[in-house]
Amino acid sequence: MKDDFVRFSLRQRIEHLLVMSLFIVLAVTGFPQKFSEAGWARGLVGVLGGVETARLLHRIAGLAFAAVCAVHLTSVVFLVASGRARPSMVPGKKDFADAIRTLRYYLGLSDEPARFDRFDYRQKFEYWGLVMGGLVMISTGLVLYAPLVVTALLPGVLIPVAKVAHSNEGLMALLVITTWHVYNAHLNPDVFPFDLTMFTGRITKERMEHEHPLELERLTRAAAPDKGHGIGP
C-alpha cells in the first residue's frame, strides 16, 4: 500500500484557496468599516486608499465569494446526485455518538477514542457553519449592496436588520476561524506547525490510521483484489 493517500482533489484545493483569500480580503476591508471610529481602522482605511476603495474591494470580494459558494454547492449536489461522490459531510447518528464518546475519552471515562470515517463531527460542524454563515453573509450583503431595489419590494426595516446581521455574522466568522480552524490546522499537536494536506491534497498513512481509521479500512477493502470470498468494496 502507498505511504500516502489523495485526500483532496485539485478542485477542492482551489476552492479552499479562493475562500481563504477572499475571506482575508473581506475581513481586511470590512472590519475597518465596522469599527470606523478606532484608530487602527482609520489607519488601515488609509493604507487601502480611502473608504470608497475599501468598500469597492469589499463588494468585489463579496460577489466573488458568492460565486465560489454557488459553484461549490452546485457541484456538490451534482456529484452526489450522480453517484460520483458520497455525502460524507452530512451529519448522522454516528456523529452524535462520536461526540459523546470523544468527551468520555477526554474525561477518562472510556479507554477507546471514537473512530472516524472521512470527516469527523468537528469537521462537519465547521463545514456547515461556513455554509450557513456564508449564506447569511451573502444574502445580507446583497441587501446592503442594492438597498433601493430591496426596499422597492420589501419593507425598509430590512436594511438595518441586514446591516446588524451582516456585521455580527462577520465578527463571529472571524472568531471561529482564528480560534477553532487555526487551532486544528496549525496549533493542534498532531499537525503543528502547519497542516499541508489542504494544499498538497495528500495525507500520510500514519495520519489516516490515527485520524480516519474507518476511511482507511474502507479504502483498503476497495483496493484489495477479489479472492473469491464474496466481499465487495
Protein backbone atom coordinates (compact mmCIF):
# COMPACT_ATOMS: atom_id res chain seq x y z
CA MET A 1 0.00 0.00 0.00
CA LYS A 2 1.16 3.51 -0.72
CA ASP A 3 2.56 5.59 2.10
CA ASP A 4 0.07 8.38 1.48
CA PHE A 5 -3.41 8.90 0.07
CA VAL A 6 -5.17 11.54 -2.01
CA ARG A 7 -7.50 13.33 0.38
CA PHE A 8 -8.48 16.47 -1.55
CA SER A 9 -8.85 16.90 -5.30
CA LEU A 10 -7.42 19.82 -7.25
CA ARG A 11 -10.89 21.39 -7.43
CA GLN A 12 -11.30 21.21 -3.66
CA ARG A 13 -7.86 22.72 -3.08
CA ILE A 14 -8.57 25.59 -5.46
CA GLU A 15 -11.91 26.23 -3.75
CA HIS A 16 -10.21 26.32 -0.35
CA LEU A 17 -7.53 28.73 -1.60
CA LEU A 18 -10.18 31.03 -3.08
CA VAL A 19 -12.33 31.01 0.07
CA MET A 20 -9.27 31.62 2.26
CA SER A 21 -8.04 34.51 0.10
CA LEU A 22 -11.48 36.12 -0.25
CA PHE A 23 -12.13 35.79 3.48
CA ILE A 24 -8.92 37.69 4.23
CA VAL A 25 -9.85 40.45 1.77
CA LEU A 26 -13.38 40.67 3.21
CA ALA A 27 -12.05 40.88 6.77
CA VAL A 28 -9.38 43.48 5.95
CA THR A 29 -11.85 45.69 4.07
CA GLY A 30 -14.93 45.02 6.20
CA PHE A 31 -13.87 45.40 9.82
CA PRO A 32 -12.38 48.89 9.37
CA GLN A 33 -15.89 49.91 8.29
CA LYS A 34 -17.48 48.21 11.31
CA PHE A 35 -15.03 49.81 13.76
CA SER A 36 -14.61 53.04 11.83
CA GLU A 37 -14.00 55.14 14.98
CA ALA A 38 -10.97 53.12 16.04
CA GLY A 39 -7.51 54.45 15.25
CA TRP A 40 -6.33 51.19 13.70
CA ALA A 41 -9.39 51.19 11.43
CA ARG A 42 -8.71 54.70 10.15
CA GLY A 43 -5.08 53.79 9.58
CA LEU A 44 -5.97 50.64 7.64
CA VAL A 45 -8.52 52.50 5.52
CA GLY A 46 -5.79 54.99 4.69
CA VAL A 47 -3.48 52.17 3.61
CA LEU A 48 -6.25 50.78 1.41
CA GLY A 49 -6.64 54.12 -0.34
CA GLY A 50 -9.70 55.51 1.40
CA VAL A 51 -13.12 54.31 2.45
CA GLU A 52 -14.53 54.25 -1.08
CA THR A 53 -11.72 51.97 -2.24
CA ALA A 54 -12.23 49.74 0.79
CA ARG A 55 -15.95 49.48 0.02
CA LEU A 56 -15.27 48.70 -3.63
CA LEU A 57 -12.79 45.95 -2.77
CA HIS A 58 -15.22 44.56 -0.18
CA ARG A 59 -18.05 44.39 -2.70
CA ILE A 60 -15.90 42.77 -5.38
CA ALA A 61 -14.63 40.16 -2.91
CA GLY A 62 -18.18 39.60 -1.65
CA LEU A 63 -19.54 38.95 -5.13
CA ALA A 64 -16.62 36.63 -5.87
CA PHE A 65 -17.27 34.78 -2.60
CA ALA A 66 -20.93 34.37 -3.54
CA ALA A 67 -19.91 32.96 -6.93
CA VAL A 68 -17.49 30.47 -5.34
CA CYS A 69 -20.18 29.31 -2.91
CA ALA A 70 -22.72 28.90 -5.72
CA VAL A 71 -20.27 26.85 -7.81
CA HIS A 72 -19.30 24.72 -4.81
CA LEU A 73 -22.86 23.90 -3.72
CA THR A 74 -23.98 23.23 -7.28
CA SER A 75 -21.06 20.90 -7.98
CA VAL A 76 -21.55 19.03 -4.69
CA VAL A 77 -25.25 18.46 -5.36
CA PHE A 78 -24.47 17.28 -8.90
CA LEU A 79 -21.68 14.90 -7.83
CA VAL A 80 -23.75 13.35 -5.03
CA ALA A 81 -26.90 13.07 -7.17
CA SER A 82 -24.95 11.42 -9.99
CA GLY A 83 -23.33 8.92 -7.62
CA ARG A 84 -19.82 10.23 -8.26
CA ALA A 85 -19.34 11.35 -4.65
CA ARG A 86 -20.51 10.22 -1.23
CA PRO A 87 -22.49 12.64 1.01
CA SER A 88 -19.68 12.36 3.55
CA MET A 89 -20.33 15.81 5.04
CA VAL A 90 -23.94 15.06 6.01
CA PRO A 91 -24.17 14.56 9.81
CA GLY A 92 -25.68 11.32 11.09
CA LYS A 93 -26.41 9.49 14.32
CA LYS A 94 -22.80 8.29 14.49
CA ASP A 95 -21.55 11.87 14.73
CA PHE A 96 -23.57 12.50 17.89
CA ALA A 97 -22.35 9.19 19.32
CA ASP A 98 -18.76 10.10 18.37
CA ALA A 99 -19.06 13.46 20.13
CA ILE A 100 -20.20 11.77 23.34
CA ARG A 101 -17.54 9.06 23.04
CA THR A 102 -14.80 11.69 22.48
CA LEU A 103 -15.93 13.63 25.55
CA ARG A 104 -15.92 10.44 27.64
CA TYR A 105 -12.43 9.61 26.32
CA TYR A 106 -11.06 13.05 27.24
CA LEU A 107 -12.60 12.77 30.71
CA GLY A 108 -11.00 9.37 31.23
CA LEU A 109 -14.35 7.56 31.27
CA SER A 110 -13.54 5.49 28.16
CA ASP A 111 -10.36 3.70 27.12
CA GLU A 112 -11.08 3.86 23.39
CA PRO A 113 -11.42 7.09 21.37
CA ALA A 114 -14.05 7.48 18.67
CA ARG A 115 -13.10 6.10 15.25
CA PHE A 116 -13.84 8.42 12.34
CA ASP A 117 -14.51 7.96 8.64
CA ARG A 118 -13.60 10.57 6.02
CA PHE A 119 -14.72 13.51 8.18
CA ASP A 120 -15.34 13.68 11.92
CA TYR A 121 -18.16 15.55 13.65
CA ARG A 122 -15.95 18.60 14.30
CA GLN A 123 -15.08 18.99 10.62
CA LYS A 124 -18.74 18.61 9.65
CA PHE A 125 -19.75 21.24 12.21
CA GLU A 126 -17.15 23.64 10.85
CA TYR A 127 -18.16 22.97 7.24
CA TRP A 128 -21.88 23.54 7.81
CA GLY A 129 -21.10 26.58 9.93
CA LEU A 130 -19.21 28.00 6.96
CA VAL A 131 -22.04 27.16 4.56
CA MET A 132 -24.84 28.57 6.72
CA GLY A 133 -22.79 31.57 7.80
CA GLY A 134 -21.81 32.18 4.19
CA LEU A 135 -25.45 32.18 3.12
CA VAL A 136 -26.24 34.74 5.82
CA MET A 137 -23.34 36.93 4.73
CA ILE A 138 -24.22 36.65 1.05
CA SER A 139 -27.95 37.35 1.47
CA THR A 140 -27.47 40.30 3.83
CA GLY A 141 -24.58 41.60 1.72
CA LEU A 142 -26.78 41.64 -1.37
CA VAL A 143 -29.44 43.55 0.57
CA LEU A 144 -26.88 46.17 1.57
CA TYR A 145 -25.42 46.23 -1.94
CA ALA A 146 -28.75 47.20 -3.54
CA PRO A 147 -30.93 48.77 -0.78
CA LEU A 148 -33.10 50.75 -3.21
CA VAL A 149 -34.02 47.63 -5.14
CA VAL A 150 -34.77 45.74 -1.94
CA THR A 151 -36.91 48.49 -0.37
CA ALA A 152 -38.92 48.79 -3.58
CA LEU A 153 -40.10 45.23 -2.98
CA LEU A 154 -39.75 44.68 0.77
CA PRO A 155 -40.14 46.74 3.98
CA GLY A 156 -37.37 49.26 4.63
CA VAL A 157 -36.72 47.86 8.12
CA LEU A 158 -34.93 45.01 6.37
CA ILE A 159 -31.93 47.27 5.67
CA PRO A 160 -30.83 47.94 9.29
CA VAL A 161 -31.62 44.31 10.18
CA ALA A 162 -29.37 43.15 7.34
CA LYS A 163 -26.63 45.54 8.45
CA VAL A 164 -26.61 44.18 12.01
CA ALA A 165 -26.78 40.55 10.86
CA HIS A 166 -24.01 41.05 8.28
CA SER A 167 -21.72 42.79 10.76
CA ASN A 168 -22.23 40.35 13.65
CA GLU A 169 -22.01 37.24 11.48
CA GLY A 170 -18.75 38.53 10.01
CA LEU A 171 -17.31 39.03 13.51
CA MET A 172 -18.43 35.57 14.59
CA ALA A 173 -16.90 34.02 11.47
CA LEU A 174 -13.58 35.74 12.20
CA LEU A 175 -13.59 34.47 15.80
CA VAL A 176 -14.38 30.91 14.70
CA ILE A 177 -11.66 30.95 12.05
CA THR A 178 -9.00 32.42 14.33
CA THR A 179 -9.74 30.01 17.20
CA TRP A 180 -11.31 26.75 16.01
CA HIS A 181 -9.87 26.46 12.49
CA VAL A 182 -6.43 27.91 13.17
CA TYR A 183 -6.01 25.55 16.12
CA ASN A 184 -6.98 22.47 14.10
CA ALA A 185 -4.86 23.47 11.08
CA HIS A 186 -1.80 24.84 12.89
CA LEU A 187 -1.68 24.53 16.68
CA ASN A 188 -3.03 21.01 17.09
CA PRO A 189 -0.08 18.87 18.32
CA ASP A 190 -0.86 16.28 15.63
CA VAL A 191 -0.17 18.76 12.81
CA PHE A 192 1.90 21.54 14.40
CA PRO A 193 3.18 23.84 12.99
CA PHE A 194 1.20 23.52 9.76
CA ASP A 195 -1.16 21.04 8.13
CA LEU A 196 -0.27 20.96 4.43
CA THR A 197 -2.96 18.44 3.45
CA MET A 198 -5.34 21.04 2.01
CA PHE A 199 -2.52 22.45 -0.12
CA THR A 200 -0.83 19.24 -1.27
CA GLY A 201 -4.01 17.19 -1.38
CA ARG A 202 -2.29 14.21 0.25
CA ILE A 203 -2.27 12.67 3.72
CA THR A 204 0.08 10.07 5.18
CA LYS A 205 -0.96 6.55 6.09
CA GLU A 206 0.03 7.19 9.71
CA ARG A 207 -2.38 10.12 9.96
CA MET A 208 -5.10 8.11 8.25
CA GLU A 209 -4.67 5.36 10.84
CA HIS A 210 -4.86 7.91 13.64
CA GLU A 211 -7.50 10.35 12.36
CA HIS A 212 -9.60 8.44 9.81
CA PRO A 213 -9.27 4.69 10.54
CA LEU A 214 -12.71 3.80 9.14
CA GLU A 215 -11.92 5.50 5.84
CA LEU A 216 -8.57 3.71 5.69
CA GLU A 217 -10.28 0.37 6.23
CA ARG A 218 -12.82 1.14 3.51
CA LEU A 219 -10.12 2.19 1.04
CA THR A 220 -8.07 -0.90 1.89
CA ARG A 221 -11.03 -3.19 1.21
CA ALA A 222 -11.76 -1.40 -2.06
CA ALA A 223 -8.14 -1.75 -3.21
CA ALA A 224 -7.80 -5.41 -2.21
CA PRO A 225 -8.09 -7.96 -5.05
CA ASP A 226 -11.17 -10.16 -5.07
CA LYS A 227 -10.13 -13.52 -3.60
CA GLY A 228 -13.48 -15.17 -4.17
CA HIS A 229 -14.90 -14.55 -0.69
CA GLY A 230 -17.79 -12.50 -1.95
CA ILE A 231 -16.64 -9.31 -0.23
CA GLY A 232 -17.22 -6.18 -2.26
CA PRO A 233 -15.63 -2.72 -1.88
